[in-house]
Amino acid sequence: MSAPVVSLVALGGALGSLARYGLTLSLPGATSGWPWATVAANVTGALLLGVLAARAPRSPLLTPFLGTGVLGGYTTFSAFSLDARTLLADGRPLLAATYVAVTLSAGLIAVAVGLLAGRPAST
């Protein structure tokens, strides 16, 4: 991988992580019982990744910057996993199972919607 690509992925990751942090500050925390920020980041990230995939930018720099960098930094499988484990450890297995099912289902639906929404219009 070339230095410009690595640099853009790193820059995108930093920007995506900052956006995720801002989202976390703006939504109720996991103490409310439901990890709203993690769900929001992962579902909106899936939607945007679907749009990006449908648009298939021709730039060899734009896709790594946006897809791997920005959206990779913005979405978070690790927080999703930790949230599910925390709910289980707190004795809330039904909420944990619901959280996992809702997050995965919503993410799959969001990426499908993104792919449809991002398709170029027919001429």
PDB file of N, CA and C in Angstrom:
ATOM      1  N   MET A   1       0.854  -1.170   0.000  1.00  0.00           N
ATOM      2  CA  MET A   1       0.000   0.000   0.000  1.00  0.00           C
ATOM      3  C   MET A   1       0.905   1.240   0.000  1.00  0.00           C
ATOM      4  N   SER A   2       0.534   2.222  -0.769  1.00  0.00           N
ATOM      5  CA  SER A   2       1.357   3.424  -0.904  1.00  0.00           C
ATOM      6  C   SER A   2       1.186   4.365   0.283  1.00  0.00           C
ATOM      7  N   ALA A   3       2.179   5.206   0.486  1.00  0.00           N
ATOM      8  CA  ALA A   3       2.142   6.169   1.593  1.00  0.00           C
ATOM      9  C   ALA A   3       0.938   7.110   1.509  1.00  0.00           C
ATOM     10  N   PRO A   4       0.569   7.607   0.316  1.00  0.00           N
ATOM     11  CA  PRO A   4      -0.619   8.472   0.261  1.00  0.00           C
ATOM     12  C   PRO A   4      -1.899   7.754   0.699  1.00  0.00           C
ATOM     13  N   VAL A   5      -2.050   6.494   0.335  1.00  0.00           N
ATOM     14  CA  VAL A   5      -3.245   5.738   0.727  1.00  0.00           C
ATOM     15  C   VAL A   5      -3.261   5.536   2.234  1.00  0.00           C
ATOM     16  N   VAL A   6      -2.130   5.119   2.791  1.00  0.00           N
ATOM     17  CA  VAL A   6      -2.043   4.915   4.238  1.00  0.00           C
ATOM     18  C   VAL A   6      -2.330   6.218   4.974  1.00  0.00           C
ATOM     19  N   SER A   7      -1.801   7.306   4.487  1.00  0.00           N
ATOM     20  CA  SER A   7      -2.028   8.616   5.119  1.00  0.00           C
ATOM     21  C   SER A   7      -3.497   9.003   5.073  1.00  0.00           C
ATOM     22  N   LEU A   8      -4.146   8.760   3.939  1.00  0.00           N
ATOM     23  CA  LEU A   8      -5.566   9.100   3.820  1.00  0.00           C
ATOM     24  C   LEU A   8      -6.437   8.207   4.698  1.00  0.00           C
ATOM     25  N   VAL A   9      -6.091   6.930   4.799  1.00  0.00           N
ATOM     26  CA  VAL A   9      -6.842   6.032   5.688  1.00  0.00           C
ATOM     27  C   VAL A   9      -6.704   6.502   7.128  1.00  0.00           C
ATOM     28  N   ALA A  10      -5.492   6.879   7.523  1.00  0.00           N
ATOM     29  CA  ALA A  10      -5.260   7.361   8.891  1.00  0.00           C
ATOM     30  C   ALA A  10      -6.024   8.660   9.154  1.00  0.00           C
ATOM     31  N   LEU A  11      -5.971   9.584   8.213  1.00  0.00           N
ATOM     32  CA  LEU A  11      -6.706  10.840   8.360  1.00  0.00           C
ATOM     33  C   LEU A  11      -8.211  10.582   8.429  1.00  0.00           C
ATOM     34  N   GLY A  12      -8.702   9.732   7.539  1.00  0.00           N
ATOM     35  CA  GLY A  12     -10.125   9.393   7.553  1.00  0.00           C
ATOM     36  C   GLY A  12     -10.531   8.721   8.847  1.00  0.00           C
ATOM     37  N   GLY A  13      -9.673   7.824   9.344  1.00  0.00           N
ATOM     38  CA  GLY A  13      -9.967   7.154  10.613  1.00  0.00           C
ATOM     39  C   GLY A  13     -10.058   8.141  11.759  1.00  0.00           C
ATOM     40  N   ALA A  14      -9.165   9.112  11.767  1.00  0.00           N
ATOM     41  CA  ALA A  14      -9.205  10.136  12.813  1.00  0.00           C
ATOM     42  C   ALA A  14     -10.498  10.950  12.723  1.00  0.00           C
ATOM     43  N   LEU A  15     -10.879  11.333  11.510  1.00  0.00           N
ATOM     44  CA  LEU A  15     -12.108  12.114  11.339  1.00  0.00           C
ATOM     45  C   LEU A  15     -13.344  11.294  11.715  1.00  0.00           C
ATOM     46  N   GLY A  16     -13.379  10.043  11.297  1.00  0.00           N
ATOM     47  CA  GLY A  16     -14.504   9.175  11.637  1.00  0.00           C
ATOM     48  C   GLY A  16     -14.606   8.941  13.140  1.00  0.00           C
ATOM     49  N   SER A  17     -13.458   8.760  13.788  1.00  0.00           N
ATOM     50  CA  SER A  17     -13.452   8.564  15.240  1.00  0.00           C
ATOM     51  C   SER A  17     -13.936   9.806  15.972  1.00  0.00           C
ATOM     52  N   LEU A  18     -13.543  10.967  15.489  1.00  0.00           N
ATOM     53  CA  LEU A  18     -14.032  12.211  16.095  1.00  0.00           C
ATOM     54  C   LEU A  18     -15.543  12.354  15.919  1.00  0.00           C
ATOM     55  N   ALA A  19     -16.041  11.988  14.752  1.00  0.00           N
ATOM     56  CA  ALA A  19     -17.491  12.040  14.519  1.00  0.00           C
ATOM     57  C   ALA A  19     -18.212  11.078  15.454  1.00  0.00           C
ATOM     58  N   ARG A  20     -17.659   9.894  15.625  1.00  0.00           N
ATOM     59  CA  ARG A  20     -18.254   8.908  16.532  1.00  0.00           C
ATOM     60  C   ARG A  20     -18.238   9.419  17.969  1.00  0.00           C
ATOM     61  N   TYR A  21     -17.157  10.038  18.373  1.00  0.00           N
ATOM     62  CA  TYR A  21     -17.063  10.592  19.725  1.00  0.00           C
ATOM     63  C   TYR A  21     -18.130  11.675  19.923  1.00  0.00           C
ATOM     64  N   GLY A  22     -18.293  12.538  18.929  1.00  0.00           N
ATOM     65  CA  GLY A  22     -19.329  13.562  19.003  1.00  0.00           C
ATOM     66  C   GLY A  22     -20.722  12.960  19.112  1.00  0.00           C
ATOM     67  N   LEU A  23     -20.958  11.898  18.362  1.00  0.00           N
ATOM     68  CA  LEU A  23     -22.245  11.208  18.431  1.00  0.00           C
ATOM     69  C   LEU A  23     -22.456  10.623  19.824  1.00  0.00           C
ATOM     70  N   THR A  24     -21.423  10.040  20.380  1.00  0.00           N
ATOM     71  CA  THR A  24     -21.498   9.459  21.725  1.00  0.00           C
ATOM     72  C   THR A  24     -21.854  10.518  22.763  1.00  0.00           C
ATOM     73  N   LEU A  25     -21.284  11.709  22.621  1.00  0.00           N
ATOM     74  CA  LEU A  25     -21.581  12.785  23.566  1.00  0.00           C
ATOM     75  C   LEU A  25     -23.009  13.303  23.425  1.00  0.00           C
ATOM     76  N   SER A  26     -23.574  13.172  22.229  1.00  0.00           N
ATOM     77  CA  SER A  26     -24.893  13.748  21.973  1.00  0.00           C
ATOM     78  C   SER A  26     -26.062  12.813  22.289  1.00  0.00           C
ATOM     79  N   LEU A  27     -25.782  11.534  22.499  1.00  0.00           N
ATOM     80  CA  LEU A  27     -26.855  10.560  22.746  1.00  0.00           C
ATOM     81  C   LEU A  27     -26.706   9.955  24.136  1.00  0.00           C
ATOM     82  N   PRO A  28     -27.817   9.435  24.687  1.00  0.00           N
ATOM     83  CA  PRO A  28     -27.736   8.813  26.015  1.00  0.00           C
ATOM     84  C   PRO A  28     -26.734   7.662  26.026  1.00  0.00           C
ATOM     85  N   GLY A  29     -26.054   7.490  27.133  1.00  0.00           N
ATOM     86  CA  GLY A  29     -25.052   6.443  27.257  1.00  0.00           C
ATOM     87  C   GLY A  29     -25.648   5.085  27.542  1.00  0.00           C
ATOM     88  N   ALA A  30     -24.776   4.101  27.626  1.00  0.00           N
ATOM     89  CA  ALA A  30     -25.198   2.728  27.887  1.00  0.00           C
ATOM     90  C   ALA A  30     -25.868   2.587  29.249  1.00  0.00           C
ATOM     91  N   THR A  31     -25.669   3.563  30.136  1.00  0.00           N
ATOM     92  CA  THR A  31     -26.299   3.495  31.445  1.00  0.00           C
ATOM     93  C   THR A  31     -27.817   3.584  31.341  1.00  0.00           C
ATOM     94  N   SER A  32     -28.324   4.064  30.212  1.00  0.00           N
ATOM     95  CA  SER A  32     -29.768   4.114  30.019  1.00  0.00           C
ATOM     96  C   SER A  32     -30.333   2.736  29.717  1.00  0.00           C
ATOM     97  N   GLY A  33     -29.464   1.756  29.520  1.00  0.00           N
ATOM     98  CA  GLY A  33     -29.919   0.399  29.232  1.00  0.00           C
ATOM     99  C   GLY A  33     -29.805   0.019  27.775  1.00  0.00           C
ATOM    100  N   TRP A  34     -29.740   0.974  26.912  1.00  0.00           N
ATOM    101  CA  TRP A  34     -29.643   0.705  25.474  1.00  0.00           C
ATOM    102  C   TRP A  34     -28.528   1.561  24.905  1.00  0.00           C
ATOM    103  N   PRO A  35     -27.540   0.949  24.251  1.00  0.00           N
ATOM    104  CA  PRO A  35     -26.382   1.686  23.719  1.00  0.00           C
ATOM    105  C   PRO A  35     -26.730   2.458  22.434  1.00  0.00           C
ATOM    106  N   TRP A  36     -27.453   3.539  22.583  1.00  0.00           N
ATOM    107  CA  TRP A  36     -27.958   4.297  21.440  1.00  0.00           C
ATOM    108  C   TRP A  36     -26.854   4.763  20.491  1.00  0.00           C
ATOM    109  N   ALA A  37     -25.771   5.288  21.020  1.00  0.00           N
ATOM    110  CA  ALA A  37     -24.715   5.829  20.160  1.00  0.00           C
ATOM    111  C   ALA A  37     -24.071   4.747  19.309  1.00  0.00           C
ATOM    112  N   THR A  38     -23.853   3.574  19.879  1.00  0.00           N
ATOM    113  CA  THR A  38     -23.248   2.484  19.117  1.00  0.00           C
ATOM    114  C   THR A  38     -24.181   2.028  18.002  1.00  0.00           C
ATOM    115  N   VAL A  39     -25.457   1.876  18.322  1.00  0.00           N
ATOM    116  CA  VAL A  39     -26.428   1.484  17.295  1.00  0.00           C
ATOM    117  C   VAL A  39     -26.483   2.544  16.199  1.00  0.00           C
ATOM    118  N   ALA A  40     -26.570   3.801  16.587  1.00  0.00           N
ATOM    119  CA  ALA A  40     -26.667   4.881  15.601  1.00  0.00           C
ATOM    120  C   ALA A  40     -25.435   4.925  14.707  1.00  0.00           C
ATOM    121  N   ALA A  41     -24.259   4.797  15.291  1.00  0.00           N
ATOM    122  CA  ALA A  41     -23.027   4.837  14.498  1.00  0.00           C
ATOM    123  C   ALA A  41     -22.958   3.658  13.532  1.00  0.00           C
ATOM    124  N   ASN A  42     -23.268   2.479  14.014  1.00  0.00           N
ATOM    125  CA  ASN A  42     -23.155   1.306  13.154  1.00  0.00           C
ATOM    126  C   ASN A  42     -24.213   1.276  12.051  1.00  0.00           C
ATOM    127  N   VAL A  43     -25.411   1.687  12.354  1.00  0.00           N
ATOM    128  CA  VAL A  43     -26.475   1.658  11.336  1.00  0.00           C
ATOM    129  C   VAL A  43     -26.277   2.776  10.308  1.00  0.00           C
ATOM    130  N   THR A  44     -25.973   3.987  10.755  1.00  0.00           N
ATOM    131  CA  THR A  44     -25.742   5.057   9.778  1.00  0.00           C
ATOM    132  C   THR A  44     -24.459   4.802   8.984  1.00  0.00           C
ATOM    133  N   GLY A  45     -23.467   4.204   9.632  1.00  0.00           N
ATOM    134  CA  GLY A  45     -22.242   3.840   8.916  1.00  0.00           C
ATOM    135  C   GLY A  45     -22.507   2.794   7.850  1.00  0.00           C
ATOM    136  N   ALA A  46     -23.358   1.814   8.153  1.00  0.00           N
ATOM    137  CA  ALA A  46     -23.726   0.797   7.162  1.00  0.00           C
ATOM    138  C   ALA A  46     -24.463   1.428   5.982  1.00  0.00           C
ATOM    139  N   LEU A  47     -25.362   2.354   6.291  1.00  0.00           N
ATOM    140  CA  LEU A  47     -26.091   3.063   5.228  1.00  0.00           C
ATOM    141  C   LEU A  47     -25.116   3.814   4.319  1.00  0.00           C
ATOM    142  N   LEU A  48     -24.208   4.554   4.921  1.00  0.00           N
ATOM    143  CA  LEU A  48     -23.250   5.333   4.129  1.00  0.00           C
ATOM    144  C   LEU A  48     -22.286   4.438   3.354  1.00  0.00           C
ATOM    145  N   LEU A  49     -21.911   3.310   3.929  1.00  0.00           N
ATOM    146  CA  LEU A  49     -21.044   2.381   3.213  1.00  0.00           C
ATOM    147  C   LEU A  49     -21.773   1.782   2.013  1.00  0.00           C
ATOM    148  N   GLY A  50     -23.074   1.530   2.169  1.00  0.00           N
ATOM    149  CA  GLY A  50     -23.869   1.063   1.039  1.00  0.00           C
ATOM    150  C   GLY A  50     -23.913   2.081  -0.083  1.00  0.00           C
ATOM    151  N   VAL A  51     -24.106   3.344   0.279  1.00  0.00           N
ATOM    152  CA  VAL A  51     -24.106   4.419  -0.723  1.00  0.00           C
ATOM    153  C   VAL A  51     -22.747   4.488  -1.413  1.00  0.00           C
ATOM    154  N   LEU A  52     -21.687   4.431  -0.622  1.00  0.00           N
ATOM    155  CA  LEU A  52     -20.334   4.484  -1.179  1.00  0.00           C
ATOM    156  C   LEU A  52     -20.082   3.321  -2.127  1.00  0.00           C
ATOM    157  N   ALA A  53     -20.492   2.126  -1.733  1.00  0.00           N
ATOM    158  CA  ALA A  53     -20.299   0.947  -2.577  1.00  0.00           C
ATOM    159  C   ALA A  53     -21.090   1.057  -3.879  1.00  0.00           C
ATOM    160  N   ALA A  54     -22.293   1.609  -3.803  1.00  0.00           N
ATOM    161  CA  ALA A  54     -23.119   1.755  -5.006  1.00  0.00           C
ATOM    162  C   ALA A  54     -22.540   2.786  -5.958  1.00  0.00           C
ATOM    163  N   ARG A  55     -21.947   3.807  -5.393  1.00  0.00           N
ATOM    164  CA  ARG A  55     -21.380   4.882  -6.212  1.00  0.00           C
ATOM    165  C   ARG A  55     -20.041   4.485  -6.821  1.00  0.00           C
ATOM    166  N   ALA A  56     -19.342   3.555  -6.177  1.00  0.00           N
ATOM    167  CA  ALA A  56     -18.049   3.050  -6.655  1.00  0.00           C
ATOM    168  C   ALA A  56     -17.180   4.163  -7.242  1.00  0.00           C
ATOM    169  N   PRO A  57     -16.682   5.051  -6.380  1.00  0.00           N
ATOM    170  CA  PRO A  57     -15.845   6.139  -6.897  1.00  0.00           C
ATOM    171  C   PRO A  57     -14.631   5.588  -7.643  1.00  0.00           C
ATOM    172  N   ARG A  58     -14.278   6.244  -8.687  1.00  0.00           N
ATOM    173  CA  ARG A  58     -13.178   5.780  -9.517  1.00  0.00           C
ATOM    174  C   ARG A  58     -11.811   6.161  -8.940  1.00  0.00           C
ATOM    175  N   SER A  59     -11.790   7.002  -7.942  1.00  0.00           N
ATOM    176  CA  SER A  59     -10.534   7.445  -7.355  1.00  0.00           C
ATOM    177  C   SER A  59      -9.932   6.352  -6.471  1.00  0.00           C
ATOM    178  N   PRO A  60      -8.668   6.008  -6.704  1.00  0.00           N
ATOM    179  CA  PRO A  60      -8.030   5.003  -5.847  1.00  0.00           C
ATOM    180  C   PRO A  60      -7.725   5.534  -4.441  1.00  0.00           C
ATOM    181  N   LEU A  61      -7.964   6.821  -4.210  1.00  0.00           N
ATOM    182  CA  LEU A  61      -7.730   7.410  -2.899  1.00  0.00           C
ATOM    183  C   LEU A  61      -9.026   7.662  -2.126  1.00  0.00           C
ATOM    184  N   LEU A  62     -10.112   7.943  -2.848  1.00  0.00           N
ATOM    185  CA  LEU A  62     -11.363   8.304  -2.185  1.00  0.00           C
ATOM    186  C   LEU A  62     -11.992   7.125  -1.433  1.00  0.00           C
ATOM    187  N   THR A  63     -12.012   5.955  -2.024  1.00  0.00           N
ATOM    188  CA  THR A  63     -12.622   4.799  -1.374  1.00  0.00           C
ATOM    189  C   THR A  63     -11.879   4.406  -0.094  1.00  0.00           C
ATOM    190  N   PRO A  64     -10.547   4.300  -0.099  1.00  0.00           N
ATOM    191  CA  PRO A  64      -9.871   3.998   1.168  1.00  0.00           C
ATOM    192  C   PRO A  64     -10.069   5.102   2.214  1.00  0.00           C
ATOM    193  N   PHE A  65     -10.078   6.356   1.781  1.00  0.00           N
ATOM    194  CA  PHE A  65     -10.275   7.467   2.714  1.00  0.00           C
ATOM    195  C   PHE A  65     -11.657   7.392   3.364  1.00  0.00           C
ATOM    196  N   LEU A  66     -12.697   7.276   2.532  1.00  0.00           N
ATOM    197  CA  LEU A  66     -14.067   7.277   3.056  1.00  0.00           C
ATOM    198  C   LEU A  66     -14.472   5.930   3.657  1.00  0.00           C
ATOM    199  N   GLY A  67     -14.240   4.848   2.921  1.00  0.00           N
ATOM    200  CA  GLY A  67     -14.708   3.532   3.361  1.00  0.00           C
ATOM    201  C   GLY A  67     -13.929   2.976   4.531  1.00  0.00           C
ATOM    202  N   THR A  68     -12.633   2.793   4.334  1.00  0.00           N
ATOM    203  CA  THR A  68     -11.801   2.224   5.391  1.00  0.00           C
ATOM    204  C   THR A  68     -11.520   3.245   6.480  1.00  0.00           C
ATOM    205  N   GLY A  69     -11.199   4.470   6.087  1.00  0.00           N
ATOM    206  CA  GLY A  69     -10.828   5.500   7.051  1.00  0.00           C
ATOM    207  C   GLY A  69     -12.003   6.066   7.808  1.00  0.00           C
ATOM    208  N   VAL A  70     -12.768   6.935   7.164  1.00  0.00           N
ATOM    209  CA  VAL A  70     -13.852   7.643   7.853  1.00  0.00           C
ATOM    210  C   VAL A  70     -14.882   6.665   8.427  1.00  0.00           C
ATOM    211  N   LEU A  71     -15.421   5.790   7.593  1.00  0.00           N
ATOM    212  CA  LEU A  71     -16.469   4.898   8.084  1.00  0.00           C
ATOM    213  C   LEU A  71     -15.916   3.812   9.000  1.00  0.00           C
ATOM    214  N   GLY A  72     -14.672   3.400   8.776  1.00  0.00           N
ATOM    215  CA  GLY A  72     -14.042   2.448   9.687  1.00  0.00           C
ATOM    216  C   GLY A  72     -13.824   3.039  11.063  1.00  0.00           C
ATOM    217  N   GLY A  73     -13.471   4.311  11.117  1.00  0.00           N
ATOM    218  CA  GLY A  73     -13.297   4.986  12.399  1.00  0.00           C
ATOM    219  C   GLY A  73     -14.619   5.332  13.066  1.00  0.00           C
ATOM    220  N   TYR A  74     -15.632   5.556  12.266  1.00  0.00           N
ATOM    221  CA  TYR A  74     -16.947   5.959  12.766  1.00  0.00           C
ATOM    222  C   TYR A  74     -17.733   4.776  13.332  1.00  0.00           C
ATOM    223  N   THR A  75     -17.724   3.660  12.614  1.00  0.00           N
ATOM    224  CA  THR A  75     -18.453   2.481  13.085  1.00  0.00           C
ATOM    225  C   THR A  75     -17.595   1.725  14.084  1.00  0.00           C
ATOM    226  N   THR A  76     -18.235   0.838  14.844  1.00  0.00           N
ATOM    227  CA  THR A  76     -17.472   0.184  15.896  1.00  0.00           C
ATOM    228  C   THR A  76     -18.020  -1.182  16.259  1.00  0.00           C
ATOM    229  N   PHE A  77     -17.364  -2.208  15.777  1.00  0.00           N
ATOM    230  CA  PHE A  77     -17.743  -3.565  16.150  1.00  0.00           C
ATOM    231  C   PHE A  77     -17.298  -3.864  17.575  1.00  0.00           C
ATOM    232  N   SER A  78     -16.177  -3.304  17.987  1.00  0.00           N
ATOM    233  CA  SER A  78     -15.677  -3.575  19.336  1.00  0.00           C
ATOM    234  C   SER A  78     -16.630  -3.045  20.405  1.00  0.00           C
ATOM    235  N   ALA A  79     -17.137  -1.830  20.230  1.00  0.00           N
ATOM    236  CA  ALA A  79     -18.087  -1.288  21.207  1.00  0.00           C
ATOM    237  C   ALA A  79     -19.390  -2.082  21.180  1.00  0.00           C
ATOM    238  N   PHE A  80     -19.819  -2.491  20.006  1.00  0.00           N
ATOM    239  CA  PHE A  80     -21.016  -3.325  19.861  1.00  0.00           C
ATOM    240  C   PHE A  80     -20.840  -4.612  20.668  1.00  0.00           C
ATOM    241  N   SER A  81     -19.695  -5.262  20.520  1.00  0.00           N
ATOM    242  CA  SER A  81     -19.424  -6.508  21.235  1.00  0.00           C
ATOM    243  C   SER A  81     -19.369  -6.281  22.744  1.00  0.00           C
ATOM    244  N   LEU A  82     -18.688  -5.218  23.159  1.00  0.00           N
ATOM    245  CA  LEU A  82     -18.586  -4.916  24.579  1.00  0.00           C
ATOM    246  C   LEU A  82     -19.951  -4.573  25.174  1.00  0.00           C
ATOM    247  N   ASP A  83     -20.751  -3.811  24.440  1.00  0.00           N
ATOM    248  CA  ASP A  83     -22.090  -3.469  24.928  1.00  0.00           C
ATOM    249  C   ASP A  83     -22.926  -4.732  25.146  1.00  0.00           C
ATOM    250  N   ALA A  84     -22.878  -5.653  24.193  1.00  0.00           N
ATOM    251  CA  ALA A  84     -23.640  -6.901  24.313  1.00  0.00           C
ATOM    252  C   ALA A  84     -23.151  -7.708  25.515  1.00  0.00           C
ATOM    253  N   ARG A  85     -21.854  -7.795  25.668  1.00  0.00           N
ATOM    254  CA  ARG A  85     -21.283  -8.536  26.798  1.00  0.00           C
ATOM    255  C   ARG A  85     -21.634  -7.873  28.131  1.00  0.00           C
ATOM    256  N   THR A  86     -21.625  -6.553  28.168  1.00  0.00           N
ATOM    257  CA  THR A  86     -21.975  -5.831  29.390  1.00  0.00           C
ATOM    258  C   THR A  86     -23.430  -6.080  29.771  1.00  0.00           C
ATOM    259  N   LEU A  87     -24.310  -6.061  28.791  1.00  0.00           N
ATOM    260  CA  LEU A  87     -25.717  -6.343  29.073  1.00  0.00           C
ATOM    261  C   LEU A  87     -25.885  -7.759  29.625  1.00  0.00           C
ATOM    262  N   LEU A  88     -25.147  -8.709  29.060  1.00  0.00           N
ATOM    263  CA  LEU A  88     -25.194 -10.081  29.585  1.00  0.00           C
ATOM    264  C   LEU A  88     -24.666 -10.136  31.015  1.00  0.00           C
ATOM    265  N   ALA A  89     -23.533  -9.503  31.255  1.00  0.00           N
ATOM    266  CA  ALA A  89     -22.929  -9.502  32.589  1.00  0.00           C
ATOM    267  C   ALA A  89     -23.823  -8.818  33.617  1.00  0.00           C
ATOM    268  N   ASP A  90     -24.629  -7.872  33.166  1.00  0.00           N
ATOM    269  CA  ASP A  90     -25.550  -7.168  34.065  1.00  0.00           C
ATOM    270  C   ASP A  90     -26.838  -7.965  34.302  1.00  0.00           C
ATOM    271  N   GLY A  91     -26.888  -9.191  33.782  1.00  0.00           N
ATOM    272  CA  GLY A  91     -28.062 -10.037  33.989  1.00  0.00           C
ATOM    273  C   GLY A  91     -29.243  -9.665  33.129  1.00  0.00           C
ATOM    274  N   ARG A  92     -28.970  -9.117  31.940  1.00  0.00           N
ATOM    275  CA  ARG A  92     -30.038  -8.699  31.029  1.00  0.00           C
ATOM    276  C   ARG A  92     -29.924  -9.442  29.701  1.00  0.00           C
ATOM    277  N   PRO A  93     -30.045 -10.766  29.710  1.00  0.00           N
ATOM    278  CA  PRO A  93     -29.827 -11.544  28.489  1.00  0.00           C
ATOM    279  C   PRO A  93     -30.837 -11.236  27.379  1.00  0.00           C
ATOM    280  N   LEU A  94     -32.073 -10.964  27.732  1.00  0.00           N
ATOM    281  CA  LEU A  94     -33.076 -10.648  26.708  1.00  0.00           C
ATOM    282  C   LEU A  94     -32.744  -9.323  26.028  1.00  0.00           C
ATOM    283  N   LEU A  95     -32.341  -8.330  26.807  1.00  0.00           N
ATOM    284  CA  LEU A  95     -31.957  -7.049  26.223  1.00  0.00           C
ATOM    285  C   LEU A  95     -30.702  -7.206  25.368  1.00  0.00           C
ATOM    286  N   ALA A  96     -29.749  -8.012  25.819  1.00  0.00           N
ATOM    287  CA  ALA A  96     -28.529  -8.264  25.037  1.00  0.00           C
ATOM    288  C   ALA A  96     -28.869  -8.918  23.708  1.00  0.00           C
ATOM    289  N   ALA A  97     -29.716  -9.931  23.736  1.00  0.00           N
ATOM    290  CA  ALA A  97     -30.103 -10.628  22.501  1.00  0.00           C
ATOM    291  C   ALA A  97     -30.870  -9.688  21.572  1.00  0.00           C
ATOM    292  N   THR A  98     -31.742  -8.869  22.142  1.00  0.00           N
ATOM    293  CA  THR A  98     -32.492  -7.896  21.338  1.00  0.00           C
ATOM    294  C   THR A  98     -31.540  -6.891  20.707  1.00  0.00           C
ATOM    295  N   TYR A  99     -30.590  -6.414  21.486  1.00  0.00           N
ATOM    296  CA  TYR A  99     -29.594  -5.450  20.991  1.00  0.00           C
ATOM    297  C   TYR A  99     -28.802  -6.030  19.818  1.00  0.00           C
ATOM    298  N   VAL A 100     -28.342  -7.257  19.958  1.00  0.00           N
ATOM    299  CA  VAL A 100     -27.580  -7.901  18.886  1.00  0.00           C
ATOM    300  C   VAL A 100     -28.452  -8.074  17.648  1.00  0.00           C
ATOM    301  N   ALA A 101     -29.661  -8.581  17.830  1.00  0.00           N
ATOM    302  CA  ALA A 101     -30.553  -8.816  16.689  1.00  0.00           C
ATOM    303  C   ALA A 101     -30.944  -7.511  15.994  1.00  0.00           C
ATOM    304  N   VAL A 102     -31.289  -6.496  16.779  1.00  0.00           N
ATOM    305  CA  VAL A 102     -31.688  -5.208  16.200  1.00  0.00           C
ATOM    306  C   VAL A 102     -30.516  -4.562  15.459  1.00  0.00           C
ATOM    307  N   THR A 103     -29.341  -4.571  16.077  1.00  0.00           N
ATOM    308  CA  THR A 103     -28.180  -3.934  15.448  1.00  0.00           C
ATOM    309  C   THR A 103     -27.817  -4.621  14.141  1.00  0.00           C
ATOM    310  N   LEU A 104     -27.747  -5.942  14.153  1.00  0.00           N
ATOM    311  CA  LEU A 104     -27.389  -6.660  12.925  1.00  0.00           C
ATOM    312  C   LEU A 104     -28.458  -6.509  11.843  1.00  0.00           C
ATOM    313  N   SER A 105     -29.713  -6.643  12.231  1.00  0.00           N
ATOM    314  CA  SER A 105     -30.801  -6.499  11.245  1.00  0.00           C
ATOM    315  C   SER A 105     -30.850  -5.091  10.674  1.00  0.00           C
ATOM    316  N   ALA A 106     -30.775  -4.101  11.541  1.00  0.00           N
ATOM    317  CA  ALA A 106     -30.821  -2.714  11.076  1.00  0.00           C
ATOM    318  C   ALA A 106     -29.619  -2.394  10.206  1.00  0.00           C
ATOM    319  N   GLY A 107     -28.454  -2.928  10.532  1.00  0.00           N
ATOM    320  CA  GLY A 107     -27.268  -2.704   9.717  1.00  0.00           C
ATOM    321  C   GLY A 107     -27.403  -3.311   8.334  1.00  0.00           C
ATOM    322  N   LEU A 108     -27.934  -4.521   8.255  1.00  0.00           N
ATOM    323  CA  LEU A 108     -28.143  -5.160   6.951  1.00  0.00           C
ATOM    324  C   LEU A 108     -29.170  -4.405   6.114  1.00  0.00           C
ATOM    325  N   ILE A 109     -30.242  -3.981   6.766  1.00  0.00           N
ATOM    326  CA  ILE A 109     -31.255  -3.191   6.052  1.00  0.00           C
ATOM    327  C   ILE A 109     -30.656  -1.861   5.604  1.00  0.00           C
ATOM    328  N   ALA A 110     -29.893  -1.231   6.469  1.00  0.00           N
ATOM    329  CA  ALA A 110     -29.300   0.072   6.138  1.00  0.00           C
ATOM    330  C   ALA A 110     -28.343  -0.030   4.960  1.00  0.00           C
ATOM    331  N   VAL A 111     -27.517  -1.060   4.911  1.00  0.00           N
ATOM    332  CA  VAL A 111     -26.592  -1.186   3.785  1.00  0.00           C
ATOM    333  C   VAL A 111     -27.367  -1.456   2.496  1.00  0.00           C
ATOM    334  N   ALA A 112     -28.447  -2.227   2.571  1.00  0.00           N
ATOM    335  CA  ALA A 112     -29.277  -2.474   1.382  1.00  0.00           C
ATOM    336  C   ALA A 112     -29.933  -1.184   0.902  1.00  0.00           C
ATOM    337  N   VAL A 113     -30.447  -0.388   1.842  1.00  0.00           N
ATOM    338  CA  VAL A 113     -31.050   0.906   1.481  1.00  0.00           C
ATOM    339  C   VAL A 113     -29.989   1.819   0.885  1.00  0.00           C
ATOM    340  N   GLY A 114     -28.799   1.827   1.476  1.00  0.00           N
ATOM    341  CA  GLY A 114     -27.706   2.638   0.949  1.00  0.00           C
ATOM    342  C   GLY A 114     -27.322   2.240  -0.466  1.00  0.00           C
ATOM    343  N   LEU A 115     -27.271   0.931  -0.722  1.00  0.00           N
ATOM    344  CA  LEU A 115     -26.954   0.460  -2.074  1.00  0.00           C
ATOM    345  C   LEU A 115     -28.017   0.921  -3.073  1.00  0.00           C
ATOM    346  N   LEU A 116     -29.281   0.845  -2.667  1.00  0.00           N
ATOM    347  CA  LEU A 116     -30.366   1.295  -3.549  1.00  0.00           C
ATOM    348  C   LEU A 116     -30.343   2.814  -3.738  1.00  0.00           C
ATOM    349  N   ALA A 117     -30.166   3.524  -2.642  1.00  0.00           N
ATOM    350  CA  ALA A 117     -30.169   4.991  -2.707  1.00  0.00           C
ATOM    351  C   ALA A 117     -28.969   5.520  -3.475  1.00  0.00           C
ATOM    352  N   GLY A 118     -27.867   4.808  -3.413  1.00  0.00           N
ATOM    353  CA  GLY A 118     -26.651   5.283  -4.064  1.00  0.00           C
ATOM    354  C   GLY A 118     -26.538   4.933  -5.529  1.00  0.00           C
ATOM    355  N   ARG A 119     -27.445   4.083  -6.004  1.00  0.00           N
ATOM    356  CA  ARG A 119     -27.376   3.721  -7.421  1.00  0.00           C
ATOM    357  C   ARG A 119     -27.564   4.935  -8.307  1.00  0.00           C
ATOM    358  N   PRO A 120     -26.741   5.044  -9.318  1.00  0.00           N
ATOM    359  CA  PRO A 120     -26.936   6.157 -10.252  1.00  0.00           C
ATOM    360  C   PRO A 120     -28.307   6.065 -10.906  1.00  0.00           C
ATOM    361  N   ALA A 121     -28.907   7.213 -11.111  1.00  0.00           N
ATOM    362  CA  ALA A 121     -30.239   7.257 -11.739  1.00  0.00           C
ATOM    363  C   ALA A 121     -30.149   6.789 -13.187  1.00  0.00           C
ATOM    364  N   SER A 122     -31.151   6.074 -13.622  1.00  0.00           N
ATOM    365  CA  SER A 122     -31.220   5.641 -15.012  1.00  0.00           C
ATOM    366  C   SER A 122     -31.479   6.842 -15.910  1.00  0.00           C
ATOM    367  N   THR A 123     -30.859   6.818 -17.057  1.00  0.00           N
ATOM    368  CA  THR A 123     -31.088   7.928 -18.002  1.00  0.00           C
ATOM    369  C   THR A 123     -31.985   7.516 -19.120  1.00  0.00           C
TER     370      THR A 123
END
